[in-house]
Amino acid sequence: MKQYVHAFHQLALEKEKLDVLNYQFDEFKQMVDDYPSWLEMMNSPVLSQKQKDEQIDALPLDPTFLSFLKVLTRKAQMRHFPELYEEWTHLVRVTQKIVHLHVISVKPLTKAQEARLIETLKPRYPEQTITLHQTTDPELIGGIKVLHQGLSLDRTILRELEELFITI
């Protein structure tokens, strides 16, 4: 399944359309989120491939992206679009040297705190642009937790208390 996204990513690089197609992926993802029944319709065996192609051609998207969607319907992979979108996003970030970190804190970080965190983490991710996705979790009591590709940098008070409890 991921081979479709990898091939499409390679095509985007060859055609020098990575930014355009990345934007198209985001637009289509939003459409699918807003109208999940459309995705179900594209997975339905009730519609012929010609009808599916007509529906896809009606979308106001780049012809290269429309061709990709047609391949997904022909290969009965359209139902996997959410996973394909995640893989695409990962590939684009790697290509563009963007590190996307998930930051969890008790309350949202200020712009100054964001900038200080990015500066602190820069040596860990040299020659890469760091972006942050923030969520809040009041159960952490205080501190911050940073997640990236399954790794965690946990400097929360909750973790400190848990470690203290284990050592007692």
C-alpha atoms as a PDB file:
ATOM      1  CA  MET A   1       0.000   0.000   0.000  1.00  0.00           C
ATOM      2  CA  LYS A   2       2.764   2.471   0.905  1.00  0.00           C
ATOM      3  CA  GLN A   3       4.470   1.767  -2.409  1.00  0.00           C
ATOM      4  CA  TYR A   4       1.825   3.946  -4.112  1.00  0.00           C
ATOM      5  CA  VAL A   5       2.755   6.927  -1.951  1.00  0.00           C
ATOM      6  CA  HIS A   6       6.475   6.329  -2.391  1.00  0.00           C
ATOM      7  CA  ALA A   7       6.075   6.157  -6.179  1.00  0.00           C
ATOM      8  CA  PHE A   8       3.914   9.287  -6.155  1.00  0.00           C
ATOM      9  CA  HIS A   9       6.466  11.086  -3.976  1.00  0.00           C
ATOM     10  CA  GLN A  10       9.212  10.180  -6.459  1.00  0.00           C
ATOM     11  CA  LEU A  11       7.055  11.460  -9.314  1.00  0.00           C
ATOM     12  CA  ALA A  12       6.435  14.715  -7.425  1.00  0.00           C
ATOM     13  CA  LEU A  13      10.190  15.188  -7.017  1.00  0.00           C
ATOM     14  CA  GLU A  14      10.879  14.403 -10.691  1.00  0.00           C
ATOM     15  CA  LYS A  15       8.197  16.837 -11.871  1.00  0.00           C
ATOM     16  CA  GLU A  16       9.329  19.425  -9.275  1.00  0.00           C
ATOM     17  CA  LYS A  17       5.764  19.563  -7.951  1.00  0.00           C
ATOM     18  CA  LEU A  18       6.316  18.517  -4.342  1.00  0.00           C
ATOM     19  CA  ASP A  19       4.909  21.724  -2.838  1.00  0.00           C
ATOM     20  CA  VAL A  20       1.870  21.783  -5.128  1.00  0.00           C
ATOM     21  CA  LEU A  21       1.065  18.128  -4.581  1.00  0.00           C
ATOM     22  CA  ASN A  22       1.616  18.419  -0.849  1.00  0.00           C
ATOM     23  CA  TYR A  23      -0.946  21.213  -0.801  1.00  0.00           C
ATOM     24  CA  GLN A  24      -3.286  19.001  -2.859  1.00  0.00           C
ATOM     25  CA  PHE A  25      -2.896  16.164  -0.364  1.00  0.00           C
ATOM     26  CA  ASP A  26      -3.852  18.533   2.449  1.00  0.00           C
ATOM     27  CA  GLU A  27      -6.843  19.874   0.531  1.00  0.00           C
ATOM     28  CA  PHE A  28      -8.078  16.404  -0.312  1.00  0.00           C
ATOM     29  CA  LYS A  29      -7.566  15.217   3.284  1.00  0.00           C
ATOM     30  CA  GLN A  30      -9.733  18.101   4.484  1.00  0.00           C
ATOM     31  CA  MET A  31     -12.390  17.204   1.925  1.00  0.00           C
ATOM     32  CA  VAL A  32     -12.351  13.567   3.016  1.00  0.00           C
ATOM     33  CA  ASP A  33     -12.622  14.634   6.661  1.00  0.00           C
ATOM     34  CA  ASP A  34     -15.564  16.908   5.826  1.00  0.00           C
ATOM     35  CA  TYR A  35     -17.301  14.360   3.548  1.00  0.00           C
ATOM     36  CA  PRO A  36     -16.350  10.817   4.617  1.00  0.00           C
ATOM     37  CA  SER A  37     -19.206   9.441   2.519  1.00  0.00           C
ATOM     38  CA  TRP A  38     -17.286  10.456  -0.631  1.00  0.00           C
ATOM     39  CA  LEU A  39     -14.447   8.140   0.326  1.00  0.00           C
ATOM     40  CA  GLU A  40     -16.938   5.341   1.012  1.00  0.00           C
ATOM     41  CA  MET A  41     -18.476   5.936  -2.407  1.00  0.00           C
ATOM     42  CA  MET A  42     -15.034   5.591  -4.055  1.00  0.00           C
ATOM     43  CA  ASN A  43     -14.594   2.266  -2.274  1.00  0.00           C
ATOM     44  CA  SER A  44     -17.980   0.982  -3.325  1.00  0.00           C
ATOM     45  CA  PRO A  45     -18.173  -1.789  -5.932  1.00  0.00           C
ATOM     46  CA  VAL A  46     -21.571  -0.382  -6.951  1.00  0.00           C
ATOM     47  CA  LEU A  47     -19.936   2.406  -8.959  1.00  0.00           C
ATOM     48  CA  SER A  48     -18.097   1.535 -12.138  1.00  0.00           C
ATOM     49  CA  GLN A  49     -14.515   2.695 -12.597  1.00  0.00           C
ATOM     50  CA  LYS A  50     -15.753   5.149 -15.226  1.00  0.00           C
ATOM     51  CA  GLN A  51     -18.170   6.700 -12.714  1.00  0.00           C
ATOM     52  CA  LYS A  52     -15.420   6.916 -10.115  1.00  0.00           C
ATOM     53  CA  ASP A  53     -13.081   8.557 -12.646  1.00  0.00           C
ATOM     54  CA  GLU A  54     -15.792  11.097 -13.485  1.00  0.00           C
ATOM     55  CA  GLN A  55     -16.228  11.915  -9.789  1.00  0.00           C
ATOM     56  CA  ILE A  56     -12.471  12.335  -9.390  1.00  0.00           C
ATOM     57  CA  ASP A  57     -12.174  14.476 -12.535  1.00  0.00           C
ATOM     58  CA  ALA A  58     -14.801  16.830 -11.105  1.00  0.00           C
ATOM     59  CA  LEU A  59     -12.491  17.716  -8.201  1.00  0.00           C
ATOM     60  CA  PRO A  60     -10.690  21.064  -8.502  1.00  0.00           C
ATOM     61  CA  LEU A  61      -7.248  19.499  -8.075  1.00  0.00           C
ATOM     62  CA  ASP A  62      -4.006  19.160 -10.021  1.00  0.00           C
ATOM     63  CA  PRO A  63      -4.205  16.576 -12.846  1.00  0.00           C
ATOM     64  CA  THR A  64      -1.227  14.684 -11.402  1.00  0.00           C
ATOM     65  CA  PHE A  65      -3.021  14.339  -8.071  1.00  0.00           C
ATOM     66  CA  LEU A  66      -6.234  13.287  -9.818  1.00  0.00           C
ATOM     67  CA  SER A  67      -4.295  10.541 -11.613  1.00  0.00           C
ATOM     68  CA  PHE A  68      -2.985   9.337  -8.263  1.00  0.00           C
ATOM     69  CA  LEU A  69      -6.539   9.142  -6.901  1.00  0.00           C
ATOM     70  CA  LYS A  70      -7.629   7.171  -9.954  1.00  0.00           C
ATOM     71  CA  VAL A  71      -4.828   4.665  -9.363  1.00  0.00           C
ATOM     72  CA  LEU A  72      -6.013   4.259  -5.774  1.00  0.00           C
ATOM     73  CA  THR A  73      -9.571   3.527  -6.905  1.00  0.00           C
ATOM     74  CA  ARG A  74      -8.410   1.087  -9.596  1.00  0.00           C
ATOM     75  CA  LYS A  75      -6.295  -0.777  -7.064  1.00  0.00           C
ATOM     76  CA  ALA A  76      -9.081  -0.643  -4.420  1.00  0.00           C
ATOM     77  CA  GLN A  77      -6.805   1.268  -2.062  1.00  0.00           C
ATOM     78  CA  MET A  78      -8.847   4.456  -1.593  1.00  0.00           C
ATOM     79  CA  ARG A  79     -10.087   3.224   1.789  1.00  0.00           C
ATOM     80  CA  HIS A  80      -6.481   3.484   3.003  1.00  0.00           C
ATOM     81  CA  PHE A  81      -6.217   7.178   2.202  1.00  0.00           C
ATOM     82  CA  PRO A  82      -5.783   8.275   5.863  1.00  0.00           C
ATOM     83  CA  GLU A  83      -2.749   5.983   6.261  1.00  0.00           C
ATOM     84  CA  LEU A  84      -1.432   7.019   2.846  1.00  0.00           C
ATOM     85  CA  TYR A  85      -1.767  10.656   3.882  1.00  0.00           C
ATOM     86  CA  GLU A  86       0.307  10.030   7.016  1.00  0.00           C
ATOM     87  CA  GLU A  87       3.021   8.320   4.980  1.00  0.00           C
ATOM     88  CA  TRP A  88       2.997  11.153   2.426  1.00  0.00           C
ATOM     89  CA  THR A  89       3.341  13.758   5.182  1.00  0.00           C
ATOM     90  CA  HIS A  90       6.280  11.848   6.638  1.00  0.00           C
ATOM     91  CA  LEU A  91       8.026  11.600   3.255  1.00  0.00           C
ATOM     92  CA  VAL A  92       7.565  15.309   2.546  1.00  0.00           C
ATOM     93  CA  ARG A  93       8.942  16.277   5.950  1.00  0.00           C
ATOM     94  CA  VAL A  94      11.991  14.070   5.458  1.00  0.00           C
ATOM     95  CA  THR A  95      12.564  15.481   1.965  1.00  0.00           C
ATOM     96  CA  GLN A  96      12.190  19.056   3.157  1.00  0.00           C
ATOM     97  CA  LYS A  97      14.248  18.337   6.287  1.00  0.00           C
ATOM     98  CA  ILE A  98      11.422  19.184   8.652  1.00  0.00           C
ATOM     99  CA  VAL A  99      11.241  17.588  12.087  1.00  0.00           C
ATOM    100  CA  HIS A 100       7.726  17.641  13.499  1.00  0.00           C
ATOM    101  CA  LEU A 101       7.684  17.313  17.278  1.00  0.00           C
ATOM    102  CA  HIS A 102       4.630  16.695  19.413  1.00  0.00           C
ATOM    103  CA  VAL A 103       4.822  18.793  22.578  1.00  0.00           C
ATOM    104  CA  ILE A 104       2.583  18.028  25.545  1.00  0.00           C
ATOM    105  CA  SER A 105       2.343  20.493  28.422  1.00  0.00           C
ATOM    106  CA  VAL A 106      -0.106  21.517  31.139  1.00  0.00           C
ATOM    107  CA  LYS A 107      -0.982  24.732  29.298  1.00  0.00           C
ATOM    108  CA  PRO A 108      -0.097  26.063  25.849  1.00  0.00           C
ATOM    109  CA  LEU A 109       3.445  27.329  25.413  1.00  0.00           C
ATOM    110  CA  THR A 110       4.023  31.017  24.813  1.00  0.00           C
ATOM    111  CA  LYS A 111       5.843  32.130  21.668  1.00  0.00           C
ATOM    112  CA  ALA A 112       8.939  32.812  23.801  1.00  0.00           C
ATOM    113  CA  GLN A 113       8.783  29.305  25.313  1.00  0.00           C
ATOM    114  CA  GLU A 114       8.353  27.777  21.835  1.00  0.00           C
ATOM    115  CA  ALA A 115      11.393  29.670  20.550  1.00  0.00           C
ATOM    116  CA  ARG A 116      13.486  28.631  23.569  1.00  0.00           C
ATOM    117  CA  LEU A 117      12.426  24.978  23.168  1.00  0.00           C
ATOM    118  CA  ILE A 118      13.297  25.007  19.460  1.00  0.00           C
ATOM    119  CA  GLU A 119      16.714  26.556  20.210  1.00  0.00           C
ATOM    120  CA  THR A 120      17.354  23.935  22.901  1.00  0.00           C
ATOM    121  CA  LEU A 121      16.443  21.075  20.543  1.00  0.00           C
ATOM    122  CA  LYS A 122      18.292  22.378  17.454  1.00  0.00           C
ATOM    123  CA  PRO A 123      21.576  20.580  18.267  1.00  0.00           C
ATOM    124  CA  ARG A 124      19.665  17.297  18.337  1.00  0.00           C
ATOM    125  CA  TYR A 125      18.260  17.962  14.828  1.00  0.00           C
ATOM    126  CA  PRO A 126      21.053  19.726  12.915  1.00  0.00           C
ATOM    127  CA  GLU A 127      20.285  21.184   9.475  1.00  0.00           C
ATOM    128  CA  GLN A 128      16.573  20.563   9.961  1.00  0.00           C
ATOM    129  CA  THR A 129      13.639  22.866  10.536  1.00  0.00           C
ATOM    130  CA  ILE A 130      11.734  22.101  13.726  1.00  0.00           C
ATOM    131  CA  THR A 131       7.958  22.457  13.848  1.00  0.00           C
ATOM    132  CA  LEU A 132       5.838  21.907  16.937  1.00  0.00           C
ATOM    133  CA  HIS A 133       2.391  20.431  17.402  1.00  0.00           C
ATOM    134  CA  GLN A 134       1.115  21.274  20.862  1.00  0.00           C
ATOM    135  CA  THR A 135      -1.456  19.575  23.043  1.00  0.00           C
ATOM    136  CA  THR A 136      -2.267  20.107  26.687  1.00  0.00           C
ATOM    137  CA  ASP A 137      -2.671  17.571  29.469  1.00  0.00           C
ATOM    138  CA  PRO A 138      -3.444  18.939  32.961  1.00  0.00           C
ATOM    139  CA  GLU A 139      -2.537  15.580  34.533  1.00  0.00           C
ATOM    140  CA  LEU A 140       1.156  16.290  33.881  1.00  0.00           C
ATOM    141  CA  ILE A 141       1.055  18.815  36.760  1.00  0.00           C
ATOM    142  CA  GLY A 142       3.939  20.765  35.198  1.00  0.00           C
ATOM    143  CA  GLY A 143       6.882  20.463  32.845  1.00  0.00           C
ATOM    144  CA  ILE A 144       6.939  19.315  29.254  1.00  0.00           C
ATOM    145  CA  LYS A 145       6.967  16.123  27.204  1.00  0.00           C
ATOM    146  CA  VAL A 146       8.341  16.017  23.634  1.00  0.00           C
ATOM    147  CA  LEU A 147       7.518  13.091  21.302  1.00  0.00           C
ATOM    148  CA  HIS A 148       9.169  12.264  17.978  1.00  0.00           C
ATOM    149  CA  GLN A 149       8.928   8.998  16.027  1.00  0.00           C
ATOM    150  CA  GLY A 150       8.117   6.909  19.082  1.00  0.00           C
ATOM    151  CA  LEU A 151      10.812   8.504  21.268  1.00  0.00           C
ATOM    152  CA  SER A 152       9.927  10.596  24.296  1.00  0.00           C
ATOM    153  CA  LEU A 153      11.772  13.314  26.152  1.00  0.00           C
ATOM    154  CA  ASP A 154       9.747  13.517  29.352  1.00  0.00           C
ATOM    155  CA  ARG A 155      10.527  16.356  31.753  1.00  0.00           C
ATOM    156  CA  THR A 156       7.160  16.451  33.496  1.00  0.00           C
ATOM    157  CA  ILE A 157       6.489  16.618  37.197  1.00  0.00           C
ATOM    158  CA  LEU A 158       4.216  13.587  36.847  1.00  0.00           C
ATOM    159  CA  ARG A 159       7.160  11.493  35.555  1.00  0.00           C
ATOM    160  CA  GLU A 160       9.393  12.773  38.367  1.00  0.00           C
ATOM    161  CA  LEU A 161       6.760  11.767  40.944  1.00  0.00           C
ATOM    162  CA  GLU A 162       6.361   8.333  39.337  1.00  0.00           C
ATOM    163  CA  GLU A 163      10.141   7.787  39.477  1.00  0.00           C
ATOM    164  CA  LEU A 164      10.216   8.933  43.106  1.00  0.00           C
ATOM    165  CA  PHE A 165       7.418   6.490  43.964  1.00  0.00           C
ATOM    166  CA  ILE A 166       9.322   3.623  42.272  1.00  0.00           C
ATOM    167  CA  THR A 167      12.526   4.329  44.213  1.00  0.00           C
ATOM    168  CA  ILE A 168      10.815   4.499  47.603  1.00  0.00           C
END
